[in-house]
Amino acid sequence: MGDFEQRIEELYAHEAKQFGEEYFRAFNELKAGLNEGRIRAAEPDPASPTGWKVNAWVKKGILLGFRIGRIVEMPVAAVGVYPGGAGDRRKPKARRLQSGATAYQFRDKETFPLKRIPPSQGVRIVPGGSSIRDGCYVGKGVVCMPPMYVNVGAYVDDDTLIDSHALVGSCAQVGKRVHLSAGAQIGGVLEPVGALPVIVEDDVLVGGNTGVYEGAVVGKGAVLAAGAILTGSTPVFDLVRDTVYRRDGAKPLIIPPGAVVVPGARAITRGHGKELGLSLLTPVIIKYRDEKTDQATRLEDLLR
């Protein structure tokens, strides 16, 4: 364990009633690493069965930020936010708003203002009510259509499109060139700290009103059709390879690379459910990505 990890672990474990500057220094250092993508709540690990490992100490650091932060009024300009980070004790009115901007009232932990995104990143945040919380990474060329939300600890890699009403939850990891369609929900997790967050690997298309929750891993190039729901308790039937994917103990649900997943239904075969003719919603893999699929997913390039 590195010195900085150990420092976060020690501060998190210490039940203090008052928090000195060492807490804010450590948390701001952690948040700077999250913002720059140097520190991640989960990261690729070829030696792991899932291909990923959880950095529980990072989640502890984020939770520490909630513990030490006071609830303050956060007047946010129509474009941009006021300066100041964790430990900035100035009164709200002492924080400069952009000249001529309209202020809206928000109240939240002082440790988690809105994220600042430098122009050099080439990120597009289209006007209309989107928010990106400080302490997450947003890569170059990301497009954010309103309204959308990216929570603390998340990692969104280069050239991803986050469409309207889409959510990237806390600590979720989203790869390069991912398309999160309108209404897509990528679940988050801070506790338990050892739990794997949702992983969406490179070049995945997540269809409209699709949900990925409970630490599911979506492999590179997979396509989730509109309305598909992936959770830890949902089996996914692969009609191509004649197998079933599900969470198995500590191993999460893993969708294979290139799989095309659509919503399906599975008949209840016993008990009162069978008598009533009921079915359960069940995701189904109907094929694997091909040239026709690639052509359909390439349409998003016209939006950039």
Protein backbone atom coordinates (compact mmCIF):
# COMPACT_ATOMS: atom_id res chain seq x y z
CA MET A 1 0.00 0.00 0.00
CA GLY A 2 1.36 3.42 -0.94
CA ASP A 3 1.77 6.25 1.54
CA PHE A 4 -1.20 8.16 0.15
CA GLU A 5 -3.49 5.13 0.24
CA GLN A 6 -2.45 4.50 3.83
CA ARG A 7 -3.16 8.12 4.75
CA ILE A 8 -6.67 7.88 3.29
CA GLU A 9 -7.29 4.60 5.12
CA GLU A 10 -6.17 6.09 8.43
CA LEU A 11 -8.26 9.25 8.09
CA TYR A 12 -11.30 7.21 7.08
CA ALA A 13 -10.91 4.87 10.06
CA HIS A 14 -10.49 7.71 12.57
CA GLU A 15 -13.83 8.75 14.07
CA ALA A 16 -13.08 12.44 14.58
CA LYS A 17 -15.68 15.01 15.62
CA GLN A 18 -13.69 17.87 14.14
CA PHE A 19 -11.66 17.78 10.96
CA GLY A 20 -8.36 19.58 10.64
CA GLU A 21 -6.60 20.74 7.51
CA GLU A 22 -4.95 17.33 7.04
CA TYR A 23 -8.37 15.91 6.13
CA PHE A 24 -9.03 18.58 3.50
CA ARG A 25 -5.50 18.34 2.07
CA ALA A 26 -5.79 14.58 1.66
CA PHE A 27 -9.29 14.76 0.18
CA ASN A 28 -8.37 17.53 -2.26
CA GLU A 29 -5.36 15.48 -3.39
CA LEU A 30 -7.63 12.48 -3.94
CA LYS A 31 -10.18 14.56 -5.82
CA ALA A 32 -7.48 16.06 -8.04
CA GLY A 33 -6.39 12.55 -8.97
CA LEU A 34 -9.97 11.54 -9.74
CA ASN A 35 -10.52 14.64 -11.87
CA GLU A 36 -7.36 13.94 -13.88
CA GLY A 37 -8.02 10.21 -14.25
CA ARG A 38 -4.82 9.27 -12.38
CA ILE A 39 -6.83 7.73 -9.55
CA ARG A 40 -9.78 5.44 -10.24
CA ALA A 41 -12.34 3.63 -8.10
CA ALA A 42 -11.85 0.61 -10.36
CA GLU A 43 -9.23 -0.10 -13.01
CA PRO A 44 -8.41 -2.74 -15.62
CA ASP A 45 -6.62 -5.79 -14.23
CA PRO A 46 -5.83 -8.62 -16.68
CA ALA A 47 -5.11 -10.96 -13.75
CA SER A 48 -8.65 -10.63 -12.40
CA PRO A 49 -11.43 -13.00 -13.57
CA THR A 50 -13.53 -9.95 -14.46
CA GLY A 51 -10.64 -8.03 -16.02
CA TRP A 52 -11.11 -5.33 -13.36
CA LYS A 53 -10.13 -4.63 -9.78
CA VAL A 54 -11.76 -2.41 -7.17
CA ASN A 55 -9.75 0.24 -5.32
CA ALA A 56 -11.69 0.25 -2.06
CA TRP A 57 -9.46 2.94 -0.57
CA VAL A 58 -10.63 5.37 -3.28
CA LYS A 59 -14.26 4.84 -2.29
CA LYS A 60 -13.28 5.39 1.34
CA GLY A 61 -11.70 8.69 0.32
CA ILE A 62 -14.89 9.78 -1.45
CA LEU A 63 -16.97 8.84 1.59
CA LEU A 64 -14.50 10.80 3.72
CA GLY A 65 -15.28 13.84 1.58
CA PHE A 66 -18.97 13.55 2.46
CA ARG A 67 -18.08 13.21 6.14
CA ILE A 68 -15.89 16.31 6.36
CA GLY A 69 -17.96 18.60 4.14
CA ARG A 70 -20.50 21.06 5.50
CA ILE A 71 -23.80 21.67 3.74
CA VAL A 72 -23.53 25.13 2.20
CA GLU A 73 -25.43 27.22 -0.29
CA MET A 74 -23.92 26.85 -3.73
CA PRO A 75 -24.94 29.69 -6.06
CA VAL A 76 -24.16 28.33 -9.50
CA ALA A 77 -23.85 30.54 -12.54
CA ALA A 78 -25.74 29.76 -15.71
CA VAL A 79 -22.35 28.82 -17.18
CA GLY A 80 -19.57 27.58 -14.90
CA VAL A 81 -19.28 27.54 -11.13
CA TYR A 82 -17.69 29.70 -8.50
CA PRO A 83 -14.11 28.99 -7.50
CA GLY A 84 -13.32 27.18 -4.29
CA GLY A 85 -12.87 23.58 -3.26
CA ALA A 86 -12.91 21.53 -0.10
CA GLY A 87 -11.91 23.62 2.89
CA ASP A 88 -12.82 26.97 1.25
CA ARG A 89 -14.52 28.62 4.24
CA ARG A 90 -15.52 31.89 2.59
CA LYS A 91 -19.16 32.85 2.78
CA PRO A 92 -21.10 32.09 -0.41
CA LYS A 93 -21.50 35.75 -1.34
CA ALA A 94 -17.71 36.12 -1.23
CA ARG A 95 -17.37 33.66 -4.06
CA ARG A 96 -17.36 35.37 -7.42
CA LEU A 97 -20.07 34.60 -9.96
CA GLN A 98 -19.49 35.26 -13.62
CA SER A 99 -20.46 38.76 -14.58
CA GLY A 100 -24.09 39.00 -15.66
CA ALA A 101 -24.81 35.31 -14.99
CA THR A 102 -28.05 34.12 -13.43
CA ALA A 103 -27.64 32.40 -10.05
CA TYR A 104 -29.71 29.41 -8.95
CA GLN A 105 -29.89 28.13 -5.40
CA PHE A 106 -28.43 24.74 -4.56
CA ARG A 107 -27.38 23.30 -1.21
CA ASP A 108 -24.85 20.49 -0.99
CA LYS A 109 -21.63 19.38 0.67
CA GLU A 110 -18.95 22.02 0.20
CA THR A 111 -16.52 19.26 -0.76
CA PHE A 112 -18.45 18.40 -3.93
CA PRO A 113 -19.09 21.48 -6.09
CA LEU A 114 -19.60 21.18 -9.83
CA LYS A 115 -16.60 20.00 -11.81
CA ARG A 116 -14.45 22.46 -13.76
CA ILE A 117 -13.67 21.29 -17.29
CA PRO A 118 -10.80 23.04 -19.10
CA PRO A 119 -11.38 24.06 -22.75
CA SER A 120 -8.41 21.92 -23.79
CA GLN A 121 -10.46 18.77 -23.09
CA GLY A 122 -12.78 19.54 -26.00
CA VAL A 123 -15.78 18.40 -23.95
CA ARG A 124 -19.19 19.61 -25.16
CA ILE A 125 -21.79 20.30 -22.48
CA VAL A 126 -24.86 21.46 -24.39
CA PRO A 127 -26.96 24.03 -22.45
CA GLY A 128 -30.05 22.64 -20.76
CA GLY A 129 -29.55 21.51 -17.17
CA SER A 130 -26.71 18.97 -17.09
CA SER A 131 -24.42 18.50 -14.08
CA ILE A 132 -21.01 16.89 -13.61
CA ARG A 133 -19.92 16.56 -10.02
CA ASP A 134 -16.37 17.35 -8.94
CA GLY A 135 -14.20 14.29 -8.34
CA CYS A 136 -14.83 12.39 -11.58
CA TYR A 137 -12.96 12.05 -14.85
CA VAL A 138 -14.42 13.19 -18.17
CA GLY A 139 -12.15 12.43 -21.12
CA LYS A 140 -11.41 14.40 -24.26
CA GLY A 141 -14.18 14.90 -26.79
CA VAL A 142 -17.01 13.70 -24.53
CA VAL A 143 -20.42 15.05 -25.59
CA CYS A 144 -23.05 15.73 -22.92
CA MET A 145 -26.63 16.29 -24.11
CA PRO A 146 -29.05 17.91 -21.65
CA PRO A 147 -30.16 17.00 -19.14
CA MET A 148 -27.61 14.40 -17.99
CA TYR A 149 -25.66 13.73 -14.81
CA VAL A 150 -22.25 12.31 -13.92
CA ASN A 151 -21.69 11.53 -10.24
CA VAL A 152 -18.54 11.59 -8.11
CA GLY A 153 -15.92 8.89 -8.66
CA ALA A 154 -17.12 8.08 -12.18
CA TYR A 155 -14.70 7.67 -15.09
CA VAL A 156 -15.94 8.55 -18.59
CA ASP A 157 -13.32 7.99 -21.26
CA ASP A 158 -12.62 9.82 -24.52
CA ASP A 159 -15.23 10.46 -27.25
CA THR A 160 -18.16 9.02 -25.31
CA LEU A 161 -21.65 10.44 -25.89
CA ILE A 162 -23.94 10.86 -22.88
CA ASP A 163 -27.40 11.54 -24.24
CA SER A 164 -30.38 13.29 -22.64
CA HIS A 165 -31.67 12.00 -19.28
CA ALA A 166 -28.74 9.59 -19.01
CA LEU A 167 -27.05 8.93 -15.66
CA VAL A 168 -23.49 7.82 -14.93
CA GLY A 169 -23.59 6.76 -11.28
CA SER A 170 -20.93 7.13 -8.61
CA CYS A 171 -17.70 5.25 -9.39
CA ALA A 172 -19.09 3.77 -12.65
CA GLN A 173 -16.41 3.17 -15.29
CA VAL A 174 -17.31 3.99 -18.90
CA GLY A 175 -14.89 3.35 -21.74
CA LYS A 176 -13.95 5.10 -24.97
CA ARG A 177 -16.47 5.82 -27.74
CA VAL A 178 -19.41 4.56 -25.69
CA HIS A 179 -22.89 5.77 -26.64
CA LEU A 180 -25.22 6.13 -23.65
CA SER A 181 -28.57 6.73 -25.33
CA ALA A 182 -31.41 8.84 -23.96
CA GLY A 183 -32.65 7.64 -20.59
CA ALA A 184 -29.82 5.14 -20.06
CA GLN A 185 -29.03 4.48 -16.41
CA ILE A 186 -25.52 3.33 -15.44
CA GLY A 187 -25.83 2.49 -11.75
CA GLY A 188 -23.37 3.65 -9.12
CA VAL A 189 -22.04 2.22 -5.89
CA LEU A 190 -20.06 3.70 -3.01
CA GLU A 191 -20.94 1.15 -0.36
CA PRO A 192 -19.94 -1.52 0.29
CA VAL A 193 -16.53 -0.10 -0.57
CA GLY A 194 -15.28 -3.43 -1.92
CA ALA A 195 -18.12 -3.85 -4.40
CA LEU A 196 -17.28 -3.64 -8.10
CA PRO A 197 -19.02 -0.69 -9.77
CA VAL A 198 -20.75 -0.98 -13.12
CA ILE A 199 -18.22 -1.37 -15.93
CA VAL A 200 -19.02 -0.41 -19.54
CA GLU A 201 -16.03 -1.13 -21.74
CA ASP A 202 -14.93 0.56 -24.99
CA ASP A 203 -17.24 0.92 -28.02
CA VAL A 204 -20.40 -0.23 -26.26
CA LEU A 205 -23.80 1.04 -27.42
CA VAL A 206 -26.28 1.36 -24.55
CA GLY A 207 -29.79 1.82 -25.96
CA GLY A 208 -32.50 4.17 -24.76
CA ASN A 209 -34.10 3.50 -21.36
CA THR A 210 -31.59 0.76 -20.67
CA GLY A 211 -30.36 0.07 -17.14
CA VAL A 212 -27.07 -1.49 -16.02
CA TYR A 213 -26.84 -2.01 -12.26
CA GLU A 214 -25.23 -3.94 -9.38
CA GLY A 215 -21.70 -4.19 -10.71
CA ALA A 216 -22.51 -5.73 -14.08
CA VAL A 217 -19.66 -5.73 -16.60
CA VAL A 218 -20.50 -5.01 -20.26
CA GLY A 219 -17.74 -6.26 -22.55
CA LYS A 220 -16.08 -4.28 -25.33
CA GLY A 221 -18.24 -3.59 -28.38
CA ALA A 222 -21.43 -5.03 -26.91
CA VAL A 223 -24.83 -3.60 -27.88
CA LEU A 224 -27.66 -3.28 -25.35
CA ALA A 225 -30.93 -2.74 -27.18
CA ALA A 226 -33.48 -0.21 -25.93
CA GLY A 227 -35.18 -1.29 -22.73
CA ALA A 228 -32.73 -4.02 -21.72
CA ILE A 229 -32.14 -4.25 -17.96
CA LEU A 230 -29.03 -5.88 -16.49
CA THR A 231 -28.80 -6.53 -12.73
CA GLY A 232 -26.96 -8.89 -10.44
CA SER A 233 -29.99 -11.14 -10.08
CA THR A 234 -30.99 -11.28 -13.76
CA PRO A 235 -29.83 -14.26 -15.86
CA VAL A 236 -28.93 -13.47 -19.46
CA PHE A 237 -29.64 -16.21 -22.03
CA ASP A 238 -27.16 -16.54 -24.89
CA LEU A 239 -29.02 -18.12 -27.82
CA VAL A 240 -25.88 -18.14 -29.97
CA ARG A 241 -23.57 -20.00 -27.59
CA ASP A 242 -26.33 -21.88 -25.78
CA THR A 243 -25.33 -20.72 -22.31
CA VAL A 244 -26.61 -18.55 -19.46
CA TYR A 245 -24.69 -15.68 -17.83
CA ARG A 246 -25.46 -14.67 -14.25
CA ARG A 247 -23.79 -13.39 -11.12
CA ASP A 248 -22.04 -16.20 -9.26
CA GLY A 249 -21.03 -15.29 -5.71
CA ALA A 250 -18.41 -12.55 -5.90
CA LYS A 251 -18.23 -12.86 -9.70
CA PRO A 252 -20.52 -10.27 -11.31
CA LEU A 253 -22.76 -10.63 -14.32
CA ILE A 254 -20.46 -10.32 -17.36
CA ILE A 255 -21.78 -9.63 -20.87
CA PRO A 256 -19.29 -11.00 -23.45
CA PRO A 257 -17.60 -8.61 -25.90
CA GLY A 258 -19.62 -7.95 -29.04
CA ALA A 259 -22.85 -9.46 -27.69
CA VAL A 260 -26.14 -7.95 -28.89
CA VAL A 261 -28.58 -8.03 -25.97
CA VAL A 262 -32.32 -7.44 -26.37
CA PRO A 263 -35.20 -7.51 -23.86
CA GLY A 264 -36.91 -10.88 -23.69
CA ALA A 265 -39.32 -12.86 -21.54
CA ARG A 266 -39.05 -16.20 -19.75
CA ALA A 267 -42.17 -18.14 -18.81
CA ILE A 268 -42.72 -19.07 -15.17
CA THR A 269 -42.87 -22.87 -15.21
CA ARG A 270 -44.26 -23.71 -11.78
CA GLY A 271 -46.59 -22.55 -9.05
CA HIS A 272 -49.25 -19.88 -9.26
CA GLY A 273 -47.22 -17.90 -11.81
CA LYS A 274 -47.50 -20.80 -14.26
CA GLU A 275 -51.25 -21.05 -13.65
CA LEU A 276 -51.64 -17.35 -14.46
CA GLY A 277 -49.47 -17.60 -17.57
CA LEU A 278 -46.95 -15.04 -16.28
CA SER A 279 -43.47 -14.36 -17.60
CA LEU A 280 -40.36 -12.63 -16.26
CA LEU A 281 -38.37 -10.03 -18.14
CA THR A 282 -35.13 -11.63 -19.30
CA PRO A 283 -32.32 -10.17 -21.43
CA VAL A 284 -31.41 -12.37 -24.40
CA ILE A 285 -28.27 -12.40 -26.58
CA ILE A 286 -29.57 -12.92 -30.08
CA LYS A 287 -26.32 -12.49 -32.03
CA TYR A 288 -22.81 -11.06 -31.91
CA ARG A 289 -21.73 -7.84 -33.50
CA ASP A 290 -21.30 -7.86 -37.28
CA GLU A 291 -20.89 -5.37 -40.13
CA LYS A 292 -24.61 -4.53 -40.14
CA THR A 293 -24.50 -3.77 -36.42
CA ASP A 294 -21.41 -1.61 -36.87
CA GLN A 295 -23.14 0.43 -39.58
CA ALA A 296 -26.15 1.09 -37.33
CA THR A 297 -23.99 2.23 -34.40
CA ARG A 298 -21.81 4.45 -36.60
CA LEU A 299 -24.65 6.95 -37.10
CA GLU A 300 -23.73 8.81 -33.89
CA ASP A 301 -20.58 10.19 -35.56
CA LEU A 302 -22.82 12.69 -37.37
CA LEU A 303 -23.57 14.37 -34.02
CA ARG A 304 -20.00 15.33 -33.27
